[in-house]
Amino acid sequence: MTLPNLQLGSTVLNIELLVYLLAGIVGVYAVRYRQRRHPERERQTGDAWNAVFLWLLVWKGSLFLFDPAGVIAQPMSLLFFSGGTWGIGLASVVALAYLFLRNYRRVGNREAVKLAASWGAVMLVATMVGYTALSPIQSKGGVRIDQAAPDFELTDLNGEAVRLSDFQGRTVVLNFWATWCRVCMAEMPHVEKFYQEHKDSDVVVLSVNATTQESNPGLVKEYADKRELSFPIVMDDRGEALGSYGVTAYPTTYVINPSGIVKGRYLGAFSYENMKRAVKNAD
């Protein structure tokens, strides 16, 4: 499941990170309550806090383990992406092992297992509650899910006209971005990887540059060439597509099914794994 990010003005909040952080805090207070009469309560509460931060660090840092080439090419990826599902599993194992190893000599194996398990179970339940509560959230503005995708005609980097309706009958990943956007820069390798794997399929990647937001539109082609971006890029030099889709934060990505209906709207960094999942869900 992919949690939607939340847009406040031009700022995009990472809801997934917020859910995990809050779940970890709930887990800490669960440990604190459970150990309320234990002489080691304060130290064990501190261990639980450390486990939360260790979990977050491993979850984010695991991206380097699972995609080292991508991180080396674009180190900023670590700020905006994580190791995904595998990263969650690895982070959980490391954090639980940390809690156990910190306590088994002082309180014994059985009590150490209970302590780690109680923290992990509460964090899991809190995460599930957070996902259930926040998954239906959609930021205001823009084209809504299950609405028809507005058509537009823009020119690509070679001056050729491109219409969205040209891709009727195919799934379209419509990505809005700008050259000055740091998150977009980190996202580009994911878009390129997805494009390379799907360019001969019925899935289209169409990248819309927010040209009206660029200080020098001439830099867009240079930007694409420098990063060896091969997916189609069109220039929205009048803000037509931006206005139609209500884009005010970057990057913003829409997934459109073969019938031309919007099936997903994603604010902020959109990973390769999430692109695959979103396209699969759009069918």
Protein backbone atom coordinates (compact mmCIF):
# COMPACT_ATOMS: atom_id res chain seq x y z
CA MET A 1 0.00 0.00 0.00
CA THR A 2 1.21 3.49 -0.82
CA LEU A 3 0.20 6.31 1.48
CA PRO A 4 -0.62 9.59 -0.23
CA ASN A 5 1.58 12.55 0.58
CA LEU A 6 -0.27 15.62 1.76
CA GLN A 7 0.04 19.02 0.13
CA LEU A 8 -0.12 22.18 2.24
CA GLY A 9 0.25 25.12 -0.12
CA SER A 10 3.37 24.38 -2.14
CA THR A 11 4.77 22.09 0.58
CA VAL A 12 4.41 18.30 0.34
CA LEU A 13 4.39 16.36 3.61
CA ASN A 14 5.66 12.77 3.71
CA ILE A 15 2.73 11.04 5.40
CA GLU A 16 4.42 7.63 5.39
CA LEU A 17 7.35 8.93 7.44
CA LEU A 18 4.92 10.65 9.80
CA VAL A 19 2.95 7.43 10.34
CA TYR A 20 6.06 5.42 11.16
CA LEU A 21 7.35 8.09 13.51
CA LEU A 22 4.04 8.31 15.38
CA ALA A 23 3.78 4.51 15.51
CA GLY A 24 7.25 4.37 17.03
CA ILE A 25 6.29 6.95 19.66
CA VAL A 26 3.21 4.92 20.56
CA GLY A 27 5.47 1.87 20.88
CA VAL A 28 7.77 3.75 23.26
CA TYR A 29 4.92 4.75 25.54
CA ALA A 30 3.57 1.20 25.44
CA VAL A 31 6.93 -0.04 26.74
CA ARG A 32 6.98 2.71 29.34
CA TYR A 33 3.51 1.73 30.57
CA ARG A 34 4.25 -1.98 30.54
CA GLN A 35 7.42 -1.48 32.60
CA ARG A 36 5.86 1.10 34.95
CA ARG A 37 6.85 -0.89 38.07
CA HIS A 38 10.14 -2.22 36.74
CA PRO A 39 13.34 -0.78 38.25
CA GLU A 40 14.86 -0.60 34.74
CA ARG A 41 11.93 1.39 33.37
CA GLU A 42 13.78 4.58 32.44
CA ARG A 43 16.64 2.76 30.76
CA GLN A 44 14.26 0.51 28.84
CA THR A 45 12.25 3.53 27.73
CA GLY A 46 15.48 5.04 26.43
CA ASP A 47 16.21 1.80 24.59
CA ALA A 48 12.76 1.97 22.98
CA TRP A 49 13.44 5.53 21.79
CA ASN A 50 16.76 4.38 20.34
CA ALA A 51 14.97 1.52 18.59
CA VAL A 52 12.59 3.98 16.92
CA PHE A 53 15.40 6.12 15.57
CA LEU A 54 17.39 3.03 14.56
CA TRP A 55 14.32 1.72 12.72
CA LEU A 56 13.93 4.97 10.79
CA LEU A 57 17.64 5.13 9.99
CA VAL A 58 17.77 1.56 8.66
CA TRP A 59 14.50 1.99 6.74
CA LYS A 60 15.81 5.07 4.95
CA GLY A 61 19.40 3.88 4.63
CA SER A 62 18.44 0.47 3.26
CA LEU A 63 17.93 2.17 -0.10
CA PHE A 64 21.70 2.07 -0.46
CA LEU A 65 21.65 -1.69 0.13
CA PHE A 66 18.90 -2.38 -2.41
CA ASP A 67 19.82 0.28 -5.00
CA PRO A 68 23.49 1.22 -4.48
CA ALA A 69 24.00 2.42 -8.05
CA GLY A 70 21.03 4.76 -7.80
CA VAL A 71 22.19 6.24 -4.49
CA ILE A 72 25.76 6.71 -5.74
CA ALA A 73 24.45 8.44 -8.86
CA GLN A 74 22.00 10.58 -6.87
CA PRO A 75 22.86 10.71 -3.13
CA MET A 76 19.86 12.96 -2.46
CA SER A 77 17.69 9.89 -3.04
CA LEU A 78 18.31 8.99 0.60
CA LEU A 79 16.39 12.10 1.65
CA PHE A 80 13.27 11.33 -0.35
CA PHE A 81 13.17 7.54 -0.78
CA SER A 82 13.56 4.42 1.35
CA GLY A 83 14.18 0.71 0.90
CA GLY A 84 10.46 0.11 0.50
CA THR A 85 8.90 -3.11 1.78
CA TRP A 86 12.26 -4.85 2.10
CA GLY A 87 13.58 -1.87 3.99
CA ILE A 88 10.67 -2.08 6.44
CA GLY A 89 11.44 -5.74 7.08
CA LEU A 90 15.15 -5.11 7.58
CA ALA A 91 14.53 -2.12 9.87
CA SER A 92 12.13 -4.16 11.99
CA VAL A 93 14.59 -7.04 12.39
CA VAL A 94 17.43 -4.68 13.35
CA ALA A 95 15.33 -2.67 15.83
CA LEU A 96 13.88 -5.77 17.52
CA ALA A 97 17.32 -7.37 17.73
CA TYR A 98 18.67 -4.18 19.29
CA LEU A 99 15.98 -4.16 21.98
CA PHE A 100 16.56 -7.82 22.77
CA LEU A 101 20.35 -7.55 22.94
CA ARG A 102 20.17 -4.44 25.11
CA ASN A 103 18.08 -6.25 27.72
CA TYR A 104 18.60 -10.02 27.73
CA ARG A 105 21.58 -9.97 30.11
CA ARG A 106 19.83 -7.71 32.61
CA VAL A 107 16.33 -9.22 32.61
CA GLY A 108 16.80 -12.63 30.98
CA ASN A 109 15.89 -13.98 27.56
CA ARG A 110 12.19 -14.40 28.21
CA GLU A 111 11.61 -10.89 29.54
CA ALA A 112 13.80 -9.38 26.81
CA VAL A 113 11.74 -11.16 24.14
CA LYS A 114 8.51 -9.89 25.73
CA LEU A 115 9.86 -6.35 25.84
CA ALA A 116 10.92 -6.34 22.19
CA ALA A 117 7.74 -8.11 21.09
CA SER A 118 5.47 -5.66 22.92
CA TRP A 119 7.22 -2.69 21.29
CA GLY A 120 7.07 -4.32 17.86
CA ALA A 121 3.43 -5.40 18.18
CA VAL A 122 2.22 -1.99 19.32
CA MET A 123 4.20 -0.26 16.57
CA LEU A 124 2.70 -2.65 13.99
CA VAL A 125 -0.85 -2.04 15.19
CA ALA A 126 -0.30 1.72 15.32
CA THR A 127 1.09 1.65 11.77
CA MET A 128 -1.92 -0.31 10.50
CA VAL A 129 -4.29 2.15 12.18
CA GLY A 130 -2.39 5.05 10.64
CA TYR A 131 -2.51 3.51 7.18
CA THR A 132 -6.23 2.80 7.49
CA ALA A 133 -6.99 6.31 8.69
CA LEU A 134 -4.81 8.21 6.22
CA SER A 135 -5.07 6.14 3.02
CA PRO A 136 -8.36 7.79 1.92
CA ILE A 137 -6.82 11.28 2.18
CA GLN A 138 -6.55 13.27 -1.03
CA SER A 139 -5.07 16.73 -1.16
CA LYS A 140 -7.46 19.39 -2.38
CA GLY A 141 -7.14 20.66 -5.91
CA GLY A 142 -6.14 18.99 -9.12
CA VAL A 143 -7.95 16.36 -11.12
CA ARG A 144 -9.71 13.90 -8.84
CA ILE A 145 -9.45 10.14 -8.95
CA ASP A 146 -11.86 8.52 -11.46
CA GLN A 147 -12.27 11.76 -13.41
CA ALA A 148 -11.40 12.00 -17.10
CA ALA A 149 -7.85 13.23 -17.67
CA PRO A 150 -7.90 16.66 -19.39
CA ASP A 151 -6.35 16.53 -22.84
CA PHE A 152 -3.60 18.93 -23.88
CA GLU A 153 -1.20 19.56 -26.73
CA LEU A 154 2.40 20.58 -25.97
CA THR A 155 5.70 20.46 -27.82
CA ASP A 156 8.57 18.13 -26.99
CA LEU A 157 12.27 19.03 -26.84
CA ASN A 158 12.50 18.61 -30.62
CA GLY A 159 9.60 20.97 -31.30
CA GLU A 160 7.17 18.18 -32.22
CA ALA A 161 3.55 18.43 -31.09
CA VAL A 162 2.42 15.83 -28.55
CA ARG A 163 -1.17 15.33 -27.41
CA LEU A 164 -2.13 13.34 -24.35
CA SER A 165 -4.96 11.77 -26.34
CA ASP A 166 -2.35 10.28 -28.70
CA PHE A 167 -1.84 7.66 -26.00
CA GLN A 168 -5.48 6.62 -25.67
CA GLY A 169 -5.61 2.87 -25.07
CA ARG A 170 -2.36 2.86 -23.07
CA THR A 171 -1.61 3.50 -19.41
CA VAL A 172 0.08 6.88 -18.96
CA VAL A 173 2.40 7.96 -16.15
CA LEU A 174 2.11 11.75 -16.36
CA ASN A 175 4.87 13.43 -14.37
CA PHE A 176 5.08 17.20 -13.71
CA TRP A 177 8.48 18.59 -12.72
CA ALA A 178 10.91 21.52 -12.85
CA THR A 179 14.69 21.76 -13.18
CA TRP A 180 15.09 23.68 -9.89
CA CYS A 181 13.15 21.07 -7.92
CA ARG A 182 15.51 19.01 -5.73
CA VAL A 183 12.94 16.27 -5.18
CA CYS A 184 12.42 16.03 -8.95
CA MET A 185 16.17 15.65 -9.40
CA ALA A 186 16.21 12.70 -7.00
CA GLU A 187 13.15 11.21 -8.68
CA MET A 188 14.50 11.32 -12.25
CA PRO A 189 16.58 8.08 -12.05
CA HIS A 190 13.44 6.25 -10.90
CA VAL A 191 11.42 7.65 -13.80
CA GLU A 192 14.18 6.73 -16.26
CA LYS A 193 14.47 3.20 -14.88
CA PHE A 194 10.72 2.72 -15.10
CA TYR A 195 10.66 4.09 -18.64
CA GLN A 196 13.48 1.82 -19.81
CA GLU A 197 11.66 -1.24 -18.51
CA HIS A 198 8.28 -0.29 -19.99
CA LYS A 199 9.04 1.64 -23.19
CA ASP A 200 8.14 -1.34 -25.37
CA SER A 201 4.93 -2.07 -23.46
CA ASP A 202 1.49 -0.48 -23.27
CA VAL A 203 2.71 1.89 -20.56
CA VAL A 204 3.75 5.44 -21.49
CA VAL A 205 5.86 7.86 -19.48
CA LEU A 206 5.09 11.47 -20.39
CA SER A 207 7.09 14.09 -18.50
CA VAL A 208 5.72 17.64 -18.42
CA ASN A 209 8.18 20.40 -17.61
CA ALA A 210 6.66 23.34 -15.74
CA THR A 211 8.23 25.74 -18.23
CA THR A 212 6.40 28.79 -16.91
CA GLN A 213 8.17 28.18 -13.59
CA GLU A 214 11.65 28.04 -15.16
CA SER A 215 13.97 31.06 -15.07
CA ASN A 216 15.61 29.83 -18.28
CA PRO A 217 13.53 27.39 -20.35
CA GLY A 218 16.56 26.75 -22.54
CA LEU A 219 18.15 24.80 -19.70
CA VAL A 220 15.54 22.04 -19.83
CA LYS A 221 17.16 20.21 -22.76
CA GLU A 222 20.59 20.65 -21.19
CA TYR A 223 19.21 19.23 -17.93
CA ALA A 224 17.80 16.19 -19.72
CA ASP A 225 20.95 15.59 -21.78
CA LYS A 226 23.23 15.86 -18.75
CA ARG A 227 21.22 13.21 -16.91
CA GLU A 228 20.74 11.05 -20.02
CA LEU A 229 16.96 11.14 -19.72
CA SER A 230 15.40 9.32 -22.64
CA PHE A 231 11.70 9.42 -21.74
CA PRO A 232 9.48 11.92 -23.60
CA ILE A 233 9.59 15.46 -22.17
CA VAL A 234 7.13 18.15 -23.23
CA MET A 235 7.28 21.87 -22.46
CA ASP A 236 4.27 23.52 -20.82
CA ASP A 237 5.31 27.04 -21.78
CA ARG A 238 1.87 28.57 -21.21
CA GLY A 239 0.93 26.68 -18.04
CA GLU A 240 -1.94 24.98 -19.85
CA ALA A 241 -1.40 21.49 -18.46
CA LEU A 242 -0.38 22.79 -15.04
CA GLY A 243 -3.67 24.67 -14.80
CA SER A 244 -5.79 21.80 -16.08
CA TYR A 245 -4.29 19.39 -13.55
CA GLY A 246 -4.08 21.87 -10.68
CA VAL A 247 -0.35 21.34 -10.18
CA THR A 248 1.14 23.68 -7.57
CA ALA A 249 3.84 21.44 -6.04
CA TYR A 250 6.59 19.42 -7.66
CA PRO A 251 6.89 16.68 -8.53
CA THR A 252 3.28 15.66 -9.04
CA THR A 253 2.43 12.47 -10.90
CA TYR A 254 -0.85 11.24 -12.33
CA VAL A 255 -1.50 7.68 -13.49
CA ILE A 256 -4.11 7.47 -16.25
CA ASN A 257 -5.67 4.20 -17.37
CA PRO A 258 -6.15 3.16 -21.04
CA SER A 259 -9.66 4.64 -21.02
CA GLY A 260 -8.29 8.08 -20.15
CA ILE A 261 -9.44 8.03 -16.52
CA VAL A 262 -7.21 9.25 -13.69
CA LYS A 263 -6.58 6.34 -11.33
CA GLY A 264 -3.85 7.83 -9.14
CA ARG A 265 -2.44 11.18 -8.03
CA TYR A 266 0.90 11.20 -6.23
CA LEU A 267 2.56 14.23 -4.67
CA GLY A 268 6.26 14.38 -3.98
CA ALA A 269 8.93 11.79 -4.69
CA PHE A 270 7.52 8.78 -6.54
CA SER A 271 9.77 5.73 -6.43
CA TYR A 272 10.27 3.09 -9.11
CA GLU A 273 8.54 0.47 -6.93
CA ASN A 274 5.57 2.74 -6.32
CA MET A 275 5.32 3.50 -10.04
CA LYS A 276 5.08 -0.22 -10.79
CA ARG A 277 2.45 -0.67 -8.11
CA ALA A 278 0.44 2.34 -9.26
CA VAL A 279 0.41 1.20 -12.88
CA LYS A 280 -0.67 -2.29 -11.85
CA ASN A 281 -3.51 -0.86 -9.77
CA ALA A 282 -4.62 1.38 -12.66
CA ASP A 283 -5.55 -1.57 -14.87
